């Protein structure tokens, strides 16, 4: 399942749409962010890492 994570409309839930992670991945991509997934028997952890470029460009 991990290799297919973020595929639109893919869900393991009975009443899910499977769009949440696909939307998050699209937002991350537009902002040069990286999404990482780690899974074990207790569940899956998602980390989103945004670059700091330009963060302090307006500070004088």
PDB file of N, CA and C in Angstrom:
ATOM      1  N   UNK A   1       0.820  -1.195   0.000  1.00  0.00           N
ATOM      2  CA  UNK A   1       0.000   0.000   0.000  1.00  0.00           C
ATOM      3  C   UNK A   1       0.866   1.262   0.000  1.00  0.00           C
ATOM      4  N   UNK A   2       2.033   1.219   0.662  1.00  0.00           N
ATOM      5  CA  UNK A   2       2.880   2.418   0.760  1.00  0.00           C
ATOM      6  C   UNK A   2       3.292   2.957  -0.596  1.00  0.00           C
ATOM      7  N   UNK A   3       3.582   2.091  -1.549  1.00  0.00           N
ATOM      8  CA  UNK A   3       4.006   2.566  -2.869  1.00  0.00           C
ATOM      9  C   UNK A   3       2.869   3.246  -3.638  1.00  0.00           C
ATOM     10  N   UNK A   4       1.639   3.039  -3.216  1.00  0.00           N
ATOM     11  CA  UNK A   4       0.480   3.634  -3.889  1.00  0.00           C
ATOM     12  C   UNK A   4      -0.114   4.811  -3.107  1.00  0.00           C
ATOM     13  N   UNK A   5       0.513   5.158  -1.983  1.00  0.00           N
ATOM     14  CA  UNK A   5      -0.003   6.222  -1.125  1.00  0.00           C
ATOM     15  C   UNK A   5      -0.070   7.532  -1.904  1.00  0.00           C
ATOM     16  N   UNK A   6      -1.140   8.251  -1.775  1.00  0.00           N
ATOM     17  CA  UNK A   6      -1.321   9.509  -2.490  1.00  0.00           C
ATOM     18  C   UNK A   6      -2.021   9.365  -3.827  1.00  0.00           C
ATOM     19  N   UNK A   7      -2.283   8.131  -4.246  1.00  0.00           N
ATOM     20  CA  UNK A   7      -3.019   7.905  -5.487  1.00  0.00           C
ATOM     21  C   UNK A   7      -4.452   8.397  -5.301  1.00  0.00           C
ATOM     22  N   UNK A   8      -4.911   9.293  -6.181  1.00  0.00           N
ATOM     23  CA  UNK A   8      -6.280   9.800  -6.021  1.00  0.00           C
ATOM     24  C   UNK A   8      -7.310   8.665  -5.976  1.00  0.00           C
ATOM     25  N   UNK A   9      -8.234   8.773  -5.052  1.00  0.00           N
ATOM     26  CA  UNK A   9      -9.360   7.857  -4.844  1.00  0.00           C
ATOM     27  C   UNK A   9      -8.965   6.503  -4.249  1.00  0.00           C
ATOM     28  N   UNK A  10      -7.713   6.336  -3.853  1.00  0.00           N
ATOM     29  CA  UNK A  10      -7.291   5.116  -3.178  1.00  0.00           C
ATOM     30  C   UNK A  10      -7.572   5.284  -1.688  1.00  0.00           C
ATOM     31  N   UNK A  11      -8.310   4.361  -1.110  1.00  0.00           N
ATOM     32  CA  UNK A  11      -8.627   4.433   0.308  1.00  0.00           C
ATOM     33  C   UNK A  11      -8.716   3.038   0.905  1.00  0.00           C
ATOM     34  N   UNK A  12      -8.452   2.956   2.186  1.00  0.00           N
ATOM     35  CA  UNK A  12      -8.642   1.704   2.916  1.00  0.00           C
ATOM     36  C   UNK A  12      -9.861   1.795   3.821  1.00  0.00           C
ATOM     37  N   UNK A  13     -10.508   2.959   3.782  1.00  0.00           N
ATOM     38  CA  UNK A  13     -11.670   3.186   4.641  1.00  0.00           C
ATOM     39  C   UNK A  13     -12.963   2.886   3.900  1.00  0.00           C
ATOM     40  N   UNK A  14     -13.939   2.421   4.650  1.00  0.00           N
ATOM     41  CA  UNK A  14     -15.232   2.093   4.053  1.00  0.00           C
ATOM     42  C   UNK A  14     -15.948   3.334   3.529  1.00  0.00           C
ATOM     43  N   UNK A  15     -15.772   4.470   4.224  1.00  0.00           N
ATOM     44  CA  UNK A  15     -16.475   5.689   3.832  1.00  0.00           C
ATOM     45  C   UNK A  15     -15.509   6.815   3.466  1.00  0.00           C
ATOM     46  N   UNK A  16     -14.354   6.497   2.899  1.00  0.00           N
ATOM     47  CA  UNK A  16     -13.374   7.511   2.530  1.00  0.00           C
ATOM     48  C   UNK A  16     -13.422   7.824   1.048  1.00  0.00           C
ATOM     49  N   UNK A  17     -12.876   8.987   0.691  1.00  0.00           N
ATOM     50  CA  UNK A  17     -12.815   9.359  -0.724  1.00  0.00           C
ATOM     51  C   UNK A  17     -11.440   9.101  -1.319  1.00  0.00           C
ATOM     52  N   UNK A  18     -10.401   9.043  -0.466  1.00  0.00           N
ATOM     53  CA  UNK A  18      -9.058   8.808  -0.961  1.00  0.00           C
ATOM     54  C   UNK A  18      -8.435  10.029  -1.608  1.00  0.00           C
ATOM     55  N   UNK A  19      -8.901  11.209  -1.259  1.00  0.00           N
ATOM     56  CA  UNK A  19      -8.360  12.424  -1.873  1.00  0.00           C
ATOM     57  C   UNK A  19      -7.445  13.217  -0.942  1.00  0.00           C
ATOM     58  N   UNK A  20      -7.483  12.981   0.349  1.00  0.00           N
ATOM     59  CA  UNK A  20      -6.737  13.790   1.315  1.00  0.00           C
ATOM     60  C   UNK A  20      -5.246  13.855   1.039  1.00  0.00           C
ATOM     61  N   UNK A  21      -4.578  12.713   0.944  1.00  0.00           N
ATOM     62  CA  UNK A  21      -3.140  12.708   0.714  1.00  0.00           C
ATOM     63  C   UNK A  21      -2.784  13.163  -0.695  1.00  0.00           C
ATOM     64  N   UNK A  22      -3.625  12.884  -1.664  1.00  0.00           N
ATOM     65  CA  UNK A  22      -3.369  13.350  -3.033  1.00  0.00           C
ATOM     66  C   UNK A  22      -3.365  14.878  -3.075  1.00  0.00           C
ATOM     67  N   UNK A  23      -4.293  15.500  -2.372  1.00  0.00           N
ATOM     68  CA  UNK A  23      -4.353  16.964  -2.307  1.00  0.00           C
ATOM     69  C   UNK A  23      -3.128  17.498  -1.579  1.00  0.00           C
ATOM     70  N   UNK A  24      -2.757  16.875  -0.457  1.00  0.00           N
ATOM     71  CA  UNK A  24      -1.568  17.295   0.299  1.00  0.00           C
ATOM     72  C   UNK A  24      -0.312  17.184  -0.549  1.00  0.00           C
ATOM     73  N   UNK A  25      -0.170  16.103  -1.296  1.00  0.00           N
ATOM     74  CA  UNK A  25       1.013  15.934  -2.142  1.00  0.00           C
ATOM     75  C   UNK A  25       1.063  17.003  -3.226  1.00  0.00           C
ATOM     76  N   UNK A  26      -0.068  17.385  -3.769  1.00  0.00           N
ATOM     77  CA  UNK A  26      -0.122  18.432  -4.790  1.00  0.00           C
ATOM     78  C   UNK A  26       0.311  19.777  -4.206  1.00  0.00           C
ATOM     79  N   UNK A  27      -0.159  20.095  -3.012  1.00  0.00           N
ATOM     80  CA  UNK A  27       0.231  21.340  -2.340  1.00  0.00           C
ATOM     81  C   UNK A  27       1.733  21.323  -2.048  1.00  0.00           C
ATOM     82  N   UNK A  28       2.232  20.209  -1.526  1.00  0.00           N
ATOM     83  CA  UNK A  28       3.657  20.092  -1.216  1.00  0.00           C
ATOM     84  C   UNK A  28       4.500  20.272  -2.473  1.00  0.00           C
ATOM     85  N   UNK A  29       4.096  19.661  -3.559  1.00  0.00           N
ATOM     86  CA  UNK A  29       4.821  19.772  -4.828  1.00  0.00           C
ATOM     87  C   UNK A  29       4.901  21.222  -5.296  1.00  0.00           C
ATOM     88  N   UNK A  30       3.800  21.954  -5.174  1.00  0.00           N
ATOM     89  CA  UNK A  30       3.773  23.357  -5.617  1.00  0.00           C
ATOM     90  C   UNK A  30       4.670  24.257  -4.774  1.00  0.00           C
ATOM     91  N   UNK A  31       5.016  23.810  -3.573  1.00  0.00           N
ATOM     92  CA  UNK A  31       5.847  24.608  -2.671  1.00  0.00           C
ATOM     93  C   UNK A  31       7.228  23.991  -2.448  1.00  0.00           C
ATOM     94  N   UNK A  32       7.629  23.096  -3.360  1.00  0.00           N
ATOM     95  CA  UNK A  32       8.929  22.417  -3.283  1.00  0.00           C
ATOM     96  C   UNK A  32       9.141  21.704  -1.948  1.00  0.00           C
ATOM     97  N   UNK A  33       8.073  21.212  -1.366  1.00  0.00           N
ATOM     98  CA  UNK A  33       8.147  20.478  -0.104  1.00  0.00           C
ATOM     99  C   UNK A  33       8.293  18.982  -0.388  1.00  0.00           C
ATOM    100  N   UNK A  34       8.692  18.261   0.628  1.00  0.00           N
ATOM    101  CA  UNK A  34       8.858  16.808   0.521  1.00  0.00           C
ATOM    102  C   UNK A  34       7.948  16.151   1.553  1.00  0.00           C
ATOM    103  N   UNK A  35       7.220  15.133   1.118  1.00  0.00           N
ATOM    104  CA  UNK A  35       6.397  14.354   2.032  1.00  0.00           C
ATOM    105  C   UNK A  35       7.080  13.010   2.257  1.00  0.00           C
ATOM    106  N   UNK A  36       7.193  12.620   3.530  1.00  0.00           N
ATOM    107  CA  UNK A  36       7.791  11.336   3.877  1.00  0.00           C
ATOM    108  C   UNK A  36       6.781  10.526   4.677  1.00  0.00           C
ATOM    109  N   UNK A  37       6.784   9.221   4.453  1.00  0.00           N
ATOM    110  CA  UNK A  37       5.848   8.321   5.115  1.00  0.00           C
ATOM    111  C   UNK A  37       6.623   7.239   5.848  1.00  0.00           C
ATOM    112  N   UNK A  38       6.237   6.976   7.082  1.00  0.00           N
ATOM    113  CA  UNK A  38       6.826   5.888   7.868  1.00  0.00           C
ATOM    114  C   UNK A  38       5.676   5.095   8.464  1.00  0.00           C
ATOM    115  N   UNK A  39       5.718   3.801   8.302  1.00  0.00           N
ATOM    116  CA  UNK A  39       4.612   2.979   8.780  1.00  0.00           C
ATOM    117  C   UNK A  39       5.121   1.817   9.625  1.00  0.00           C
ATOM    118  N   UNK A  40       4.309   1.442  10.589  1.00  0.00           N
ATOM    119  CA  UNK A  40       4.577   0.253  11.407  1.00  0.00           C
ATOM    120  C   UNK A  40       3.235  -0.312  11.858  1.00  0.00           C
ATOM    121  N   UNK A  41       3.244  -1.218  12.797  1.00  0.00           N
ATOM    122  CA  UNK A  41       2.001  -1.887  13.215  1.00  0.00           C
ATOM    123  C   UNK A  41       1.020  -0.952  13.909  1.00  0.00           C
ATOM    124  N   UNK A  42       1.512   0.193  14.404  1.00  0.00           N
ATOM    125  CA  UNK A  42       0.605   1.126  15.092  1.00  0.00           C
ATOM    126  C   UNK A  42      -0.019   2.153  14.154  1.00  0.00           C
ATOM    127  N   UNK A  43       0.475   2.243  12.921  1.00  0.00           N
ATOM    128  CA  UNK A  43      -0.093   3.194  11.969  1.00  0.00           C
ATOM    129  C   UNK A  43       0.968   3.793  11.066  1.00  0.00           C
ATOM    130  N   UNK A  44       0.602   4.887  10.415  1.00  0.00           N
ATOM    131  CA  UNK A  44       1.501   5.563   9.481  1.00  0.00           C
ATOM    132  C   UNK A  44       1.691   7.010   9.904  1.00  0.00           C
ATOM    133  N   UNK A  45       2.942   7.464   9.856  1.00  0.00           N
ATOM    134  CA  UNK A  45       3.283   8.843  10.195  1.00  0.00           C
ATOM    135  C   UNK A  45       3.665   9.567   8.900  1.00  0.00           C
ATOM    136  N   UNK A  46       3.101  10.755   8.712  1.00  0.00           N
ATOM    137  CA  UNK A  46       3.388  11.566   7.534  1.00  0.00           C
ATOM    138  C   UNK A  46       4.116  12.819   7.984  1.00  0.00           C
ATOM    139  N   UNK A  47       5.246  13.102   7.345  1.00  0.00           N
ATOM    140  CA  UNK A  47       5.999  14.328   7.620  1.00  0.00           C
ATOM    141  C   UNK A  47       6.044  15.157   6.350  1.00  0.00           C
ATOM    142  N   UNK A  48       5.833  16.455   6.495  1.00  0.00           N
ATOM    143  CA  UNK A  48       5.928  17.367   5.361  1.00  0.00           C
ATOM    144  C   UNK A  48       7.025  18.368   5.689  1.00  0.00           C
ATOM    145  N   UNK A  49       8.008  18.458   4.805  1.00  0.00           N
ATOM    146  CA  UNK A  49       9.147  19.344   5.038  1.00  0.00           C
ATOM    147  C   UNK A  49       9.200  20.400   3.931  1.00  0.00           C
ATOM    148  N   UNK A  50       9.036  21.668   4.350  1.00  0.00           N
ATOM    149  CA  UNK A  50       9.072  22.784   3.419  1.00  0.00           C
ATOM    150  C   UNK A  50      10.451  23.421   3.440  1.00  0.00           C
ATOM    151  N   UNK A  51      10.944  23.870   2.283  1.00  0.00           N
ATOM    152  CA  UNK A  51      12.250  24.529   2.249  1.00  0.00           C
ATOM    153  C   UNK A  51      12.170  25.910   2.894  1.00  0.00           C
ATOM    154  N   UNK A  52      13.281  26.393   3.428  1.00  0.00           N
ATOM    155  CA  UNK A  52      13.325  27.689   4.076  1.00  0.00           C
ATOM    156  C   UNK A  52      13.675  28.825   3.113  1.00  0.00           C
ATOM    157  N   UNK A  53      13.923  28.529   1.860  1.00  0.00           N
ATOM    158  CA  UNK A  53      14.330  29.556   0.906  1.00  0.00           C
ATOM    159  C   UNK A  53      13.319  30.691   0.871  1.00  0.00           C
ATOM    160  N   UNK A  54      13.838  31.905   0.939  1.00  0.00           N
ATOM    161  CA  UNK A  54      12.987  33.089   0.867  1.00  0.00           C
ATOM    162  C   UNK A  54      12.254  33.420   2.155  1.00  0.00           C
ATOM    163  N   UNK A  55      12.404  32.614   3.171  1.00  0.00           N
ATOM    164  CA  UNK A  55      11.672  32.825   4.412  1.00  0.00           C
ATOM    165  C   UNK A  55      12.026  34.141   5.070  1.00  0.00           C
ATOM    166  N   UNK A  56      13.303  34.516   5.025  1.00  0.00           N
ATOM    167  CA  UNK A  56      13.758  35.728   5.691  1.00  0.00           C
ATOM    168  C   UNK A  56      14.125  36.843   4.713  1.00  0.00           C
ATOM    169  N   UNK A  57      13.693  36.745   3.481  1.00  0.00           N
ATOM    170  CA  UNK A  57      14.095  37.722   2.455  1.00  0.00           C
ATOM    171  C   UNK A  57      13.536  39.109   2.720  1.00  0.00           C
ATOM    172  N   UNK A  58      12.437  39.225   3.451  1.00  0.00           N
ATOM    173  CA  UNK A  58      11.846  40.545   3.708  1.00  0.00           C
ATOM    174  C   UNK A  58      12.335  41.147   5.014  1.00  0.00           C
ATOM    175  N   UNK A  59      13.157  40.408   5.764  1.00  0.00           N
ATOM    176  CA  UNK A  59      13.685  40.903   7.045  1.00  0.00           C
ATOM    177  C   UNK A  59      14.890  41.788   6.770  1.00  0.00           C
ATOM    178  N   UNK A  60      14.923  42.956   7.401  1.00  0.00           N
ATOM    179  CA  UNK A  60      16.051  43.876   7.191  1.00  0.00           C
ATOM    180  C   UNK A  60      16.982  43.872   8.345  1.00  0.00           C
TER     181      UNK A  60
END
